[in-house]
Amino acid sequence: MTDQKITPCLWFDNQAEDAANFYVSIFKNSKIESVSRYGKEGFEIHGQKEGTVLTVAFQINGQPFTALNGGPVFKFTEAVSFQVFCETQVEIDDYWNKLTQGGQEVQCGWLKDKFGLSWQIIPTILSKLLSDPSRAGRVMKAYLKMKKFDIEKLMQA
């Protein structure tokens, strides 16, 4: 158990363990903590073969998550996304390249990974640029044309 009061639970059809391993491979200070499996009890309700992964408790950069294999009932939407704040273009490029493998580039720093989960890869400087009244309009105009954020172009705007 953790001292963390809120832990995101990500519902997968049957890819919870693959997804947790994927995320842990991308982010520093990340690890798989435990894996639980379906037992024979409750088969008439859950329909999962005994021994199949039920949940994976893992951490991404110290933040706890749970991945749940709950079946094909629910899918991810853009209504929930995870923001990753980056200091440098190298960080942005690294996270972007890894998270879009098998996934999809979207717009304005958004992407969907190969599991359908939405992420925002955001330069930390963006909020400062958008709060400067003399630059905000130009910065917004520039970033609305981007898929992956380009810090240099944002600074030039």
Protein backbone atom coordinates (compact mmCIF):
# COMPACT_ATOMS: atom_id res chain seq x y z
CA MET A 1 0.00 0.00 0.00
CA THR A 2 1.11 3.57 -0.59
CA ASP A 3 0.86 6.87 1.24
CA GLN A 4 -0.39 8.41 -2.00
CA LYS A 5 -4.08 9.28 -1.63
CA ILE A 6 -4.90 9.30 -5.34
CA THR A 7 -3.65 6.67 -7.79
CA PRO A 8 -4.79 6.64 -11.43
CA CYS A 9 -6.20 3.28 -12.49
CA LEU A 10 -5.88 2.59 -16.20
CA TRP A 11 -8.36 0.11 -17.67
CA PHE A 12 -7.04 -2.13 -20.42
CA ASP A 13 -8.66 -4.99 -22.29
CA ASN A 14 -5.78 -7.41 -21.71
CA GLN A 15 -2.60 -5.34 -22.13
CA ALA A 16 -2.07 -4.08 -18.55
CA GLU A 17 1.29 -5.79 -18.06
CA ASP A 18 2.59 -4.81 -21.51
CA ALA A 19 1.51 -1.21 -20.95
CA ALA A 20 3.07 -0.98 -17.48
CA ASN A 21 6.35 -2.40 -18.82
CA PHE A 22 6.24 0.06 -21.73
CA TYR A 23 5.72 3.09 -19.45
CA VAL A 24 8.36 1.95 -16.96
CA SER A 25 10.87 1.61 -19.81
CA ILE A 26 10.34 5.25 -20.86
CA PHE A 27 10.41 7.20 -17.62
CA LYS A 28 13.23 7.43 -15.08
CA ASN A 29 12.53 6.54 -11.46
CA SER A 30 9.90 4.03 -12.57
CA LYS A 31 9.26 0.43 -11.61
CA ILE A 32 6.80 -2.44 -11.52
CA GLU A 33 5.76 -2.98 -7.90
CA SER A 34 3.46 -5.98 -8.09
CA VAL A 35 1.31 -8.09 -10.37
CA SER A 36 -1.92 -9.76 -9.25
CA ARG A 37 -3.70 -12.47 -11.19
CA TYR A 38 -7.22 -13.70 -11.65
CA GLY A 39 -8.04 -16.80 -9.66
CA LYS A 40 -10.69 -19.40 -10.41
CA GLU A 41 -13.04 -17.57 -8.05
CA GLY A 42 -15.49 -15.28 -9.80
CA PHE A 43 -14.93 -16.76 -13.26
CA GLU A 44 -18.68 -16.63 -13.92
CA ILE A 45 -18.46 -12.83 -13.56
CA HIS A 46 -15.02 -11.83 -14.89
CA GLY A 47 -14.64 -14.63 -17.47
CA GLN A 48 -10.84 -14.53 -17.27
CA LYS A 49 -8.67 -17.62 -17.36
CA GLU A 50 -7.08 -18.43 -14.00
CA GLY A 51 -3.57 -16.95 -13.81
CA THR A 52 -4.28 -14.12 -16.26
CA VAL A 53 -2.98 -10.73 -15.10
CA LEU A 54 -5.62 -8.79 -13.18
CA THR A 55 -3.67 -5.71 -12.06
CA VAL A 56 -0.18 -4.30 -12.24
CA ALA A 57 0.91 -1.77 -9.62
CA PHE A 58 3.67 0.42 -11.01
CA GLN A 59 5.28 3.82 -10.68
CA ILE A 60 6.11 6.38 -13.31
CA ASN A 61 8.66 8.85 -12.00
CA GLY A 62 7.57 8.01 -8.46
CA GLN A 63 3.83 8.49 -9.19
CA PRO A 64 1.83 5.32 -8.45
CA PHE A 65 -0.47 3.86 -11.10
CA THR A 66 -2.57 0.74 -11.40
CA ALA A 67 -3.12 -1.02 -14.72
CA LEU A 68 -6.22 -3.23 -14.77
CA ASN A 69 -7.15 -5.91 -17.29
CA GLY A 70 -10.90 -5.44 -17.22
CA GLY A 71 -11.85 -6.58 -20.69
CA PRO A 72 -13.01 -4.66 -23.75
CA VAL A 73 -15.77 -2.70 -22.01
CA PHE A 74 -14.05 0.72 -21.76
CA LYS A 75 -11.61 2.59 -23.98
CA PHE A 76 -9.39 5.60 -23.36
CA THR A 77 -10.47 9.00 -24.68
CA GLU A 78 -8.79 12.38 -24.85
CA ALA A 79 -10.98 13.47 -21.92
CA VAL A 80 -8.11 12.24 -19.73
CA SER A 81 -4.45 12.74 -20.55
CA PHE A 82 -1.14 12.78 -18.72
CA GLN A 83 1.05 15.87 -18.95
CA VAL A 84 4.82 15.51 -19.10
CA PHE A 85 6.66 18.79 -18.53
CA CYS A 86 10.05 19.06 -20.19
CA GLU A 87 12.88 21.54 -19.68
CA THR A 88 14.67 20.90 -22.99
CA GLN A 89 13.97 20.01 -26.60
CA VAL A 90 16.00 16.83 -26.09
CA GLU A 91 13.51 15.73 -23.39
CA ILE A 92 10.55 16.60 -25.59
CA ASP A 93 12.01 14.67 -28.53
CA ASP A 94 12.87 11.66 -26.37
CA TYR A 95 9.42 11.30 -24.77
CA TRP A 96 7.66 12.09 -28.05
CA ASN A 97 9.63 9.51 -30.03
CA LYS A 98 9.17 6.77 -27.43
CA LEU A 99 5.50 7.38 -26.66
CA THR A 100 4.45 7.67 -30.32
CA GLN A 101 6.04 4.31 -31.27
CA GLY A 102 3.02 2.41 -32.55
CA GLY A 103 0.84 5.34 -31.50
CA GLN A 104 -0.31 8.56 -33.09
CA GLU A 105 0.88 12.17 -33.19
CA VAL A 106 -2.01 14.51 -32.58
CA GLN A 107 -1.74 18.30 -32.21
CA CYS A 108 -0.35 20.95 -29.85
CA GLY A 109 1.92 18.57 -27.96
CA TRP A 110 -0.70 15.81 -27.70
CA LEU A 111 -0.17 12.22 -28.72
CA LYS A 112 -1.76 8.83 -28.26
CA ASP A 113 0.45 5.91 -27.35
CA LYS A 114 0.04 2.42 -28.81
CA PHE A 115 -2.49 1.58 -26.06
CA GLY A 116 -4.69 4.60 -26.88
CA LEU A 117 -3.70 6.62 -23.80
CA SER A 118 -3.33 10.37 -24.41
CA TRP A 119 -0.25 12.30 -23.33
CA GLN A 120 0.76 15.95 -23.54
CA ILE A 121 4.48 16.59 -23.92
CA ILE A 122 4.85 20.21 -22.84
CA PRO A 123 7.85 22.55 -22.56
CA THR A 124 7.93 24.10 -19.08
CA ILE A 125 8.57 27.51 -20.67
CA LEU A 126 5.17 27.46 -22.40
CA SER A 127 3.15 28.78 -19.44
CA LYS A 128 5.58 31.70 -19.03
CA LEU A 129 5.35 32.54 -22.74
CA LEU A 130 1.55 32.38 -22.71
CA SER A 131 1.32 34.61 -19.64
CA ASP A 132 3.33 37.40 -21.32
CA PRO A 133 0.68 39.66 -22.93
CA SER A 134 3.16 40.95 -25.51
CA ARG A 135 3.90 37.41 -26.78
CA ALA A 136 0.90 35.24 -25.92
CA GLY A 137 -0.93 35.67 -29.22
CA ARG A 138 2.12 34.95 -31.35
CA VAL A 139 3.10 31.97 -29.21
CA MET A 140 -0.41 30.52 -29.42
CA LYS A 141 -0.48 31.03 -33.19
CA ALA A 142 2.86 29.23 -33.47
CA TYR A 143 2.01 26.27 -31.27
CA LEU A 144 -1.41 25.68 -32.83
CA LYS A 145 0.47 24.74 -36.02
CA MET A 146 2.69 22.22 -34.21
CA LYS A 147 2.23 18.58 -33.42
CA LYS A 148 5.38 18.11 -31.33
CA PHE A 149 6.39 21.32 -29.56
CA ASP A 150 9.51 23.09 -30.82
CA ILE A 151 10.93 25.26 -28.02
CA GLU A 152 13.09 27.34 -30.37
CA LYS A 153 10.13 28.29 -32.57
CA LEU A 154 8.04 29.11 -29.48
CA MET A 155 10.81 31.38 -28.18
CA GLN A 156 11.06 33.11 -31.55
CA ALA A 157 7.33 33.85 -31.69
